ModelCIF file with pLDDT and N, C-alpha, C, O atoms, coordinates in Angstrom:
data_MODEL
#
_entry.id   MODEL 
#
_entity.id                         1 
_entity.type                       polymer 
_entity.pdbx_number_of_molecules   1 
#
_entity_poly.entity_id                      1 
_entity_poly.type                           'polypeptide(L)' 
_entity_poly.nstd_linkage                   no 
_entity_poly.nstd_monomer                   no 
_entity_poly.pdbx_seq_one_letter_code       SQTIAGVFSLKGKQGEAAIGLPDGEYRNLLDDSTVT 
_entity_poly.pdbx_seq_one_letter_code_can   SQTIAGVFSLKGKQGEAAIGLPDGEYRNLLDDSTVT 
_entity_poly.pdbx_strand_id                 A 
#
loop_
_entity_poly_seq.entity_id 
_entity_poly_seq.num 
_entity_poly_seq.mon_id 
_entity_poly_seq.hetero 
1 1  SER n 
1 2  GLN n 
1 3  THR n 
1 4  ILE n 
1 5  ALA n 
1 6  GLY n 
1 7  VAL n 
1 8  PHE n 
1 9  SER n 
1 10 LEU n 
1 11 LYS n 
1 12 GLY n 
1 13 LYS n 
1 14 GLN n 
1 15 GLY n 
1 16 GLU n 
1 17 ALA n 
1 18 ALA n 
1 19 ILE n 
1 20 GLY n 
1 21 LEU n 
1 22 PRO n 
1 23 ASP n 
1 24 GLY n 
1 25 GLU n 
1 26 TYR n 
1 27 ARG n 
1 28 ASN n 
1 29 LEU n 
1 30 LEU n 
1 31 ASP n 
1 32 ASP n 
1 33 SER n 
1 34 THR n 
1 35 VAL n 
1 36 THR n 
#
_struct_asym.id          A 
_struct_asym.entity_id   1 
#
loop_
_ma_qa_metric.id 
_ma_qa_metric.mode 
_ma_qa_metric.name 
_ma_qa_metric.software_group_id 
_ma_qa_metric.type 
1 global pLDDT . pLDDT 
2 local  pLDDT . pLDDT 
#
_ma_qa_metric_global.metric_id      1 
_ma_qa_metric_global.metric_value   93.75 
_ma_qa_metric_global.model_id       1 
_ma_qa_metric_global.ordinal_id     1 
#
loop_
_ma_qa_metric_local.label_asym_id 
_ma_qa_metric_local.label_comp_id 
_ma_qa_metric_local.label_seq_id 
_ma_qa_metric_local.metric_id 
_ma_qa_metric_local.metric_value 
_ma_qa_metric_local.model_id 
_ma_qa_metric_local.ordinal_id 
A SER 1  2 91.00 1 1  
A GLN 2  2 91.00 1 2  
A THR 3  2 92.00 1 3  
A ILE 4  2 94.00 1 4  
A ALA 5  2 95.00 1 5  
A GLY 6  2 95.00 1 6  
A VAL 7  2 95.00 1 7  
A PHE 8  2 95.00 1 8  
A SER 9  2 93.00 1 9  
A LEU 10 2 91.00 1 10 
A LYS 11 2 92.00 1 11 
A GLY 12 2 90.00 1 12 
A LYS 13 2 89.00 1 13 
A GLN 14 2 92.00 1 14 
A GLY 15 2 91.00 1 15 
A GLU 16 2 92.00 1 16 
A ALA 17 2 91.00 1 17 
A ALA 18 2 91.00 1 18 
A ILE 19 2 90.00 1 19 
A GLY 20 2 87.00 1 20 
A LEU 21 2 91.00 1 21 
A PRO 22 2 93.00 1 22 
A ASP 23 2 96.00 1 23 
A GLY 24 2 97.00 1 24 
A GLU 25 2 97.00 1 25 
A TYR 26 2 97.00 1 26 
A ARG 27 2 97.00 1 27 
A ASN 28 2 97.00 1 28 
A LEU 29 2 97.00 1 29 
A LEU 30 2 97.00 1 30 
A ASP 31 2 96.00 1 31 
A ASP 32 2 97.00 1 32 
A SER 33 2 96.00 1 33 
A THR 34 2 97.00 1 34 
A VAL 35 2 96.00 1 35 
A THR 36 2 97.00 1 36 
#
loop_
_atom_site.group_PDB 
_atom_site.id 
_atom_site.type_symbol 
_atom_site.label_atom_id 
_atom_site.label_alt_id 
_atom_site.label_comp_id 
_atom_site.label_asym_id 
_atom_site.label_entity_id 
_atom_site.label_seq_id 
_atom_site.pdbx_PDB_ins_code 
_atom_site.Cartn_x 
_atom_site.Cartn_y 
_atom_site.Cartn_z 
_atom_site.occupancy 
_atom_site.B_iso_or_equiv 
_atom_site.pdbx_formal_charge 
_atom_site.auth_seq_id 
_atom_site.auth_comp_id 
_atom_site.auth_asym_id 
_atom_site.auth_atom_id 
_atom_site.pdbx_PDB_model_num 
ATOM 1   N N  . SER A 1 1  ? 10.608 13.869  7.441   1.00 91.00 ? 1  SER A N  1 
ATOM 2   C CA . SER A 1 1  ? 9.169  13.844  7.704   1.00 91.00 ? 1  SER A CA 1 
ATOM 3   C C  . SER A 1 1  ? 8.408  13.001  6.673   1.00 91.00 ? 1  SER A C  1 
ATOM 4   O O  . SER A 1 1  ? 7.183  12.900  6.746   1.00 91.00 ? 1  SER A O  1 
ATOM 5   N N  . GLN A 1 2  ? 9.105  12.408  5.733   1.00 91.00 ? 2  GLN A N  1 
ATOM 6   C CA . GLN A 1 2  ? 8.427  11.648  4.675   1.00 91.00 ? 2  GLN A CA 1 
ATOM 7   C C  . GLN A 1 2  ? 8.581  10.138  4.894   1.00 91.00 ? 2  GLN A C  1 
ATOM 8   O O  . GLN A 1 2  ? 9.659  9.652   5.234   1.00 91.00 ? 2  GLN A O  1 
ATOM 9   N N  . THR A 1 3  ? 7.480  9.412   4.692   1.00 92.00 ? 3  THR A N  1 
ATOM 10  C CA . THR A 1 3  ? 7.489  7.959   4.808   1.00 92.00 ? 3  THR A CA 1 
ATOM 11  C C  . THR A 1 3  ? 6.941  7.353   3.527   1.00 92.00 ? 3  THR A C  1 
ATOM 12  O O  . THR A 1 3  ? 5.954  7.836   2.972   1.00 92.00 ? 3  THR A O  1 
ATOM 13  N N  . ILE A 1 4  ? 7.587  6.296   3.065   1.00 94.00 ? 4  ILE A N  1 
ATOM 14  C CA . ILE A 1 4  ? 7.120  5.510   1.934   1.00 94.00 ? 4  ILE A CA 1 
ATOM 15  C C  . ILE A 1 4  ? 6.863  4.106   2.462   1.00 94.00 ? 4  ILE A C  1 
ATOM 16  O O  . ILE A 1 4  ? 7.705  3.537   3.155   1.00 94.00 ? 4  ILE A O  1 
ATOM 17  N N  . ALA A 1 5  ? 5.712  3.554   2.138   1.00 95.00 ? 5  ALA A N  1 
ATOM 18  C CA . ALA A 1 5  ? 5.366  2.197   2.560   1.00 95.00 ? 5  ALA A CA 1 
ATOM 19  C C  . ALA A 1 5  ? 5.065  1.357   1.326   1.00 95.00 ? 5  ALA A C  1 
ATOM 20  O O  . ALA A 1 5  ? 4.479  1.847   0.361   1.00 95.00 ? 5  ALA A O  1 
ATOM 21  N N  . GLY A 1 6  ? 5.462  0.110   1.360   1.00 95.00 ? 6  GLY A N  1 
ATOM 22  C CA . GLY A 1 6  ? 5.214  -0.775  0.232   1.00 95.00 ? 6  GLY A CA 1 
ATOM 23  C C  . GLY A 1 6  ? 4.661  -2.113  0.685   1.00 95.00 ? 6  GLY A C  1 
ATOM 24  O O  . GLY A 1 6  ? 4.986  -2.607  1.765   1.00 95.00 ? 6  GLY A O  1 
ATOM 25  N N  . VAL A 1 7  ? 3.817  -2.689  -0.162  1.00 95.00 ? 7  VAL A N  1 
ATOM 26  C CA . VAL A 1 7  ? 3.307  -4.049  0.042   1.00 95.00 ? 7  VAL A CA 1 
ATOM 27  C C  . VAL A 1 7  ? 3.610  -4.816  -1.230  1.00 95.00 ? 7  VAL A C  1 
ATOM 28  O O  . VAL A 1 7  ? 3.294  -4.370  -2.333  1.00 95.00 ? 7  VAL A O  1 
ATOM 29  N N  . PHE A 1 8  ? 4.223  -5.970  -1.062  1.00 95.00 ? 8  PHE A N  1 
ATOM 30  C CA . PHE A 1 8  ? 4.635  -6.767  -2.206  1.00 95.00 ? 8  PHE A CA 1 
ATOM 31  C C  . PHE A 1 8  ? 4.197  -8.211  -2.021  1.00 95.00 ? 8  PHE A C  1 
ATOM 32  O O  . PHE A 1 8  ? 4.506  -8.841  -1.009  1.00 95.00 ? 8  PHE A O  1 
ATOM 33  N N  . SER A 1 9  ? 3.475  -8.727  -3.004  1.00 93.00 ? 9  SER A N  1 
ATOM 34  C CA . SER A 1 9  ? 3.061  -10.121 -3.002  1.00 93.00 ? 9  SER A CA 1 
ATOM 35  C C  . SER A 1 9  ? 4.167  -10.924 -3.670  1.00 93.00 ? 9  SER A C  1 
ATOM 36  O O  . SER A 1 9  ? 4.526  -10.655 -4.817  1.00 93.00 ? 9  SER A O  1 
ATOM 37  N N  . LEU A 1 10 ? 4.698  -11.891 -2.972  1.00 91.00 ? 10 LEU A N  1 
ATOM 38  C CA . LEU A 1 10 ? 5.813  -12.672 -3.498  1.00 91.00 ? 10 LEU A CA 1 
ATOM 39  C C  . LEU A 1 10 ? 5.390  -13.664 -4.568  1.00 91.00 ? 10 LEU A C  1 
ATOM 40  O O  . LEU A 1 10 ? 6.222  -14.156 -5.330  1.00 91.00 ? 10 LEU A O  1 
ATOM 41  N N  . LYS A 1 11 ? 4.090  -13.960 -4.627  1.00 92.00 ? 11 LYS A N  1 
ATOM 42  C CA . LYS A 1 11 ? 3.591  -14.921 -5.612  1.00 92.00 ? 11 LYS A CA 1 
ATOM 43  C C  . LYS A 1 11 ? 2.421  -14.367 -6.423  1.00 92.00 ? 11 LYS A C  1 
ATOM 44  O O  . LYS A 1 11 ? 1.694  -15.128 -7.062  1.00 92.00 ? 11 LYS A O  1 
ATOM 45  N N  . GLY A 1 12 ? 2.235  -13.045 -6.401  1.00 90.00 ? 12 GLY A N  1 
ATOM 46  C CA . GLY A 1 12 ? 1.170  -12.421 -7.173  1.00 90.00 ? 12 GLY A CA 1 
ATOM 47  C C  . GLY A 1 12 ? -0.221 -12.728 -6.661  1.00 90.00 ? 12 GLY A C  1 
ATOM 48  O O  . GLY A 1 12 ? -1.194 -12.681 -7.414  1.00 90.00 ? 12 GLY A O  1 
ATOM 49  N N  . LYS A 1 13 ? -0.315 -13.046 -5.368  1.00 89.00 ? 13 LYS A N  1 
ATOM 50  C CA . LYS A 1 13 ? -1.612 -13.393 -4.766  1.00 89.00 ? 13 LYS A CA 1 
ATOM 51  C C  . LYS A 1 13 ? -2.275 -12.167 -4.153  1.00 89.00 ? 13 LYS A C  1 
ATOM 52  O O  . LYS A 1 13 ? -1.606 -11.228 -3.722  1.00 89.00 ? 13 LYS A O  1 
ATOM 53  N N  . GLN A 1 14 ? -3.587 -12.195 -4.124  1.00 92.00 ? 14 GLN A N  1 
ATOM 54  C CA . GLN A 1 14 ? -4.382 -11.178 -3.434  1.00 92.00 ? 14 GLN A CA 1 
ATOM 55  C C  . GLN A 1 14 ? -4.276 -11.420 -1.939  1.00 92.00 ? 14 GLN A C  1 
ATOM 56  O O  . GLN A 1 14 ? -4.179 -12.566 -1.498  1.00 92.00 ? 14 GLN A O  1 
ATOM 57  N N  . GLY A 1 15 ? -4.295 -10.347 -1.154  1.00 91.00 ? 15 GLY A N  1 
ATOM 58  C CA . GLY A 1 15 ? -4.268 -10.513 0.291   1.00 91.00 ? 15 GLY A CA 1 
ATOM 59  C C  . GLY A 1 15 ? -4.296 -9.189  1.013   1.00 91.00 ? 15 GLY A C  1 
ATOM 60  O O  . GLY A 1 15 ? -4.324 -8.124  0.397   1.00 91.00 ? 15 GLY A O  1 
ATOM 61  N N  . GLU A 1 16 ? -4.289 -9.274  2.336   1.00 92.00 ? 16 GLU A N  1 
ATOM 62  C CA . GLU A 1 16 ? -4.320 -8.099  3.196   1.00 92.00 ? 16 GLU A CA 1 
ATOM 63  C C  . GLU A 1 16 ? -3.040 -8.094  4.019   1.00 92.00 ? 16 GLU A C  1 
ATOM 64  O O  . GLU A 1 16 ? -2.681 -9.102  4.629   1.00 92.00 ? 16 GLU A O  1 
ATOM 65  N N  . ALA A 1 17 ? -2.356 -6.958  4.033   1.00 91.00 ? 17 ALA A N  1 
ATOM 66  C CA . ALA A 1 17 ? -1.079 -6.863  4.738   1.00 91.00 ? 17 ALA A CA 1 
ATOM 67  C C  . ALA A 1 17 ? -1.103 -5.759  5.772   1.00 91.00 ? 17 ALA A C  1 
ATOM 68  O O  . ALA A 1 17 ? -1.658 -4.685  5.539   1.00 91.00 ? 17 ALA A O  1 
ATOM 69  N N  . ALA A 1 18 ? -0.499 -6.030  6.916   1.00 91.00 ? 18 ALA A N  1 
ATOM 70  C CA . ALA A 1 18 ? -0.304 -4.993  7.929   1.00 91.00 ? 18 ALA A CA 1 
ATOM 71  C C  . ALA A 1 18 ? 0.715  -4.010  7.384   1.00 91.00 ? 18 ALA A C  1 
ATOM 72  O O  . ALA A 1 18 ? 1.834  -4.388  7.037   1.00 91.00 ? 18 ALA A O  1 
ATOM 73  N N  . ILE A 1 19 ? 0.321  -2.740  7.310   1.00 90.00 ? 19 ILE A N  1 
ATOM 74  C CA . ILE A 1 19 ? 1.209  -1.735  6.726   1.00 90.00 ? 19 ILE A CA 1 
ATOM 75  C C  . ILE A 1 19 ? 1.582  -0.658  7.734   1.00 90.00 ? 19 ILE A C  1 
ATOM 76  O O  . ILE A 1 19 ? 2.507  0.120   7.500   1.00 90.00 ? 19 ILE A O  1 
ATOM 77  N N  . GLY A 1 20 ? 0.868  -0.610  8.853   1.00 87.00 ? 20 GLY A N  1 
ATOM 78  C CA . GLY A 1 20 ? 1.220  0.297   9.936   1.00 87.00 ? 20 GLY A CA 1 
ATOM 79  C C  . GLY A 1 20 ? 0.985  1.770   9.659   1.00 87.00 ? 20 GLY A C  1 
ATOM 80  O O  . GLY A 1 20 ? 1.574  2.618   10.330  1.00 87.00 ? 20 GLY A O  1 
ATOM 81  N N  . LEU A 1 21 ? 0.149  2.096   8.697   1.00 91.00 ? 21 LEU A N  1 
ATOM 82  C CA . LEU A 1 21 ? -0.167 3.491   8.398   1.00 91.00 ? 21 LEU A CA 1 
ATOM 83  C C  . LEU A 1 21 ? -1.506 3.862   9.021   1.00 91.00 ? 21 LEU A C  1 
ATOM 84  O O  . LEU A 1 21 ? -2.346 2.991   9.245   1.00 91.00 ? 21 LEU A O  1 
ATOM 85  N N  . PRO A 1 22 ? -1.710 5.131   9.300   1.00 93.00 ? 22 PRO A N  1 
ATOM 86  C CA . PRO A 1 22 ? -3.024 5.555   9.801   1.00 93.00 ? 22 PRO A CA 1 
ATOM 87  C C  . PRO A 1 22 ? -4.119 5.257   8.771   1.00 93.00 ? 22 PRO A C  1 
ATOM 88  O O  . PRO A 1 22 ? -3.875 5.303   7.565   1.00 93.00 ? 22 PRO A O  1 
ATOM 89  N N  . ASP A 1 23 ? -5.306 4.959   9.250   1.00 96.00 ? 23 ASP A N  1 
ATOM 90  C CA . ASP A 1 23 ? -6.433 4.708   8.353   1.00 96.00 ? 23 ASP A CA 1 
ATOM 91  C C  . ASP A 1 23 ? -6.664 5.901   7.448   1.00 96.00 ? 23 ASP A C  1 
ATOM 92  O O  . ASP A 1 23 ? -6.526 7.049   7.870   1.00 96.00 ? 23 ASP A O  1 
ATOM 93  N N  . GLY A 1 24 ? -7.015 5.626   6.204   1.00 97.00 ? 24 GLY A N  1 
ATOM 94  C CA . GLY A 1 24 ? -7.277 6.692   5.245   1.00 97.00 ? 24 GLY A CA 1 
ATOM 95  C C  . GLY A 1 24 ? -7.054 6.204   3.835   1.00 97.00 ? 24 GLY A C  1 
ATOM 96  O O  . GLY A 1 24 ? -6.837 5.015   3.601   1.00 97.00 ? 24 GLY A O  1 
ATOM 97  N N  . GLU A 1 25 ? -7.111 7.134   2.894   1.00 97.00 ? 25 GLU A N  1 
ATOM 98  C CA . GLU A 1 25 ? -6.895 6.812   1.488   1.00 97.00 ? 25 GLU A CA 1 
ATOM 99  C C  . GLU A 1 25 ? -5.547 7.368   1.049   1.00 97.00 ? 25 GLU A C  1 
ATOM 100 O O  . GLU A 1 25 ? -5.179 8.494   1.383   1.00 97.00 ? 25 GLU A O  1 
ATOM 101 N N  . TYR A 1 26 ? -4.827 6.557   0.298   1.00 97.00 ? 26 TYR A N  1 
ATOM 102 C CA . TYR A 1 26 ? -3.493 6.906   -0.180  1.00 97.00 ? 26 TYR A CA 1 
ATOM 103 C C  . TYR A 1 26 ? -3.430 6.626   -1.677  1.00 97.00 ? 26 TYR A C  1 
ATOM 104 O O  . TYR A 1 26 ? -4.209 5.835   -2.209  1.00 97.00 ? 26 TYR A O  1 
ATOM 105 N N  . ARG A 1 27 ? -2.489 7.289   -2.345  1.00 97.00 ? 27 ARG A N  1 
ATOM 106 C CA . ARG A 1 27 ? -2.298 7.073   -3.777  1.00 97.00 ? 27 ARG A CA 1 
ATOM 107 C C  . ARG A 1 27 ? -1.147 6.097   -3.975  1.00 97.00 ? 27 ARG A C  1 
ATOM 108 O O  . ARG A 1 27 ? -0.067 6.266   -3.408  1.00 97.00 ? 27 ARG A O  1 
ATOM 109 N N  . ASN A 1 28 ? -1.395 5.059   -4.801  1.00 97.00 ? 28 ASN A N  1 
ATOM 110 C CA . ASN A 1 28 ? -0.341 4.116   -5.163  1.00 97.00 ? 28 ASN A CA 1 
ATOM 111 C C  . ASN A 1 28 ? 0.552  4.815   -6.186  1.00 97.00 ? 28 ASN A C  1 
ATOM 112 O O  . ASN A 1 28 ? 0.100  5.153   -7.280  1.00 97.00 ? 28 ASN A O  1 
ATOM 113 N N  . LEU A 1 29 ? 1.805  5.030   -5.835  1.00 97.00 ? 29 LEU A N  1 
ATOM 114 C CA . LEU A 1 29 ? 2.723  5.755   -6.700  1.00 97.00 ? 29 LEU A CA 1 
ATOM 115 C C  . LEU A 1 29 ? 3.051  4.990   -7.983  1.00 97.00 ? 29 LEU A C  1 
ATOM 116 O O  . LEU A 1 29 ? 3.560  5.579   -8.937  1.00 97.00 ? 29 LEU A O  1 
ATOM 117 N N  . LEU A 1 30 ? 2.769  3.704   -8.019  1.00 97.00 ? 30 LEU A N  1 
ATOM 118 C CA . LEU A 1 30 ? 3.092  2.904   -9.199  1.00 97.00 ? 30 LEU A CA 1 
ATOM 119 C C  . LEU A 1 30 ? 2.051  2.997   -10.305 1.00 97.00 ? 30 LEU A C  1 
ATOM 120 O O  . LEU A 1 30 ? 2.400  2.979   -11.486 1.00 97.00 ? 30 LEU A O  1 
ATOM 121 N N  . ASP A 1 31 ? 0.768  3.096   -9.935  1.00 96.00 ? 31 ASP A N  1 
ATOM 122 C CA . ASP A 1 31 ? -0.278 3.123   -10.966 1.00 96.00 ? 31 ASP A CA 1 
ATOM 123 C C  . ASP A 1 31 ? -1.333 4.206   -10.746 1.00 96.00 ? 31 ASP A C  1 
ATOM 124 O O  . ASP A 1 31 ? -2.333 4.257   -11.461 1.00 96.00 ? 31 ASP A O  1 
ATOM 125 N N  . ASP A 1 32 ? -1.110 5.065   -9.761  1.00 97.00 ? 32 ASP A N  1 
ATOM 126 C CA . ASP A 1 32 ? -1.995 6.190   -9.452  1.00 97.00 ? 32 ASP A CA 1 
ATOM 127 C C  . ASP A 1 32 ? -3.372 5.762   -8.940  1.00 97.00 ? 32 ASP A C  1 
ATOM 128 O O  . ASP A 1 32 ? -4.297 6.574   -8.930  1.00 97.00 ? 32 ASP A O  1 
ATOM 129 N N  . SER A 1 33 ? -3.526 4.518   -8.521  1.00 96.00 ? 33 SER A N  1 
ATOM 130 C CA . SER A 1 33 ? -4.808 4.063   -7.974  1.00 96.00 ? 33 SER A CA 1 
ATOM 131 C C  . SER A 1 33 ? -4.932 4.505   -6.515  1.00 96.00 ? 33 SER A C  1 
ATOM 132 O O  . SER A 1 33 ? -3.937 4.854   -5.880  1.00 96.00 ? 33 SER A O  1 
ATOM 133 N N  . THR A 1 34 ? -6.142 4.488   -5.996  1.00 97.00 ? 34 THR A N  1 
ATOM 134 C CA . THR A 1 34 ? -6.407 4.825   -4.601  1.00 97.00 ? 34 THR A CA 1 
ATOM 135 C C  . THR A 1 34 ? -6.391 3.548   -3.772  1.00 97.00 ? 34 THR A C  1 
ATOM 136 O O  . THR A 1 34 ? -7.018 2.551   -4.129  1.00 97.00 ? 34 THR A O  1 
ATOM 137 N N  . VAL A 1 35 ? -5.675 3.595   -2.675  1.00 96.00 ? 35 VAL A N  1 
ATOM 138 C CA . VAL A 1 35 ? -5.566 2.454   -1.763  1.00 96.00 ? 35 VAL A CA 1 
ATOM 139 C C  . VAL A 1 35 ? -6.142 2.882   -0.421  1.00 96.00 ? 35 VAL A C  1 
ATOM 140 O O  . VAL A 1 35 ? -5.754 3.915   0.123   1.00 96.00 ? 35 VAL A O  1 
ATOM 141 N N  . THR A 1 36 ? -7.061 2.096   0.108   1.00 97.00 ? 36 THR A N  1 
ATOM 142 C CA . THR A 1 36 ? -7.659 2.379   1.411   1.00 97.00 ? 36 THR A CA 1 
ATOM 143 C C  . THR A 1 36 ? -6.953 1.565   2.481   1.00 97.00 ? 36 THR A C  1 
ATOM 144 O O  . THR A 1 36 ? -7.303 1.655   3.657   1.00 97.00 ? 36 THR A O  1 
#
């Protein structure tokens, strides 16, 4: 029942990625920031 999703910039660029998760706020497990 658990899903982990990741977004990785191959060149350290800012951007928007399709992640396929329901809309909402999530916690980035790497730095504890909030991701919308």
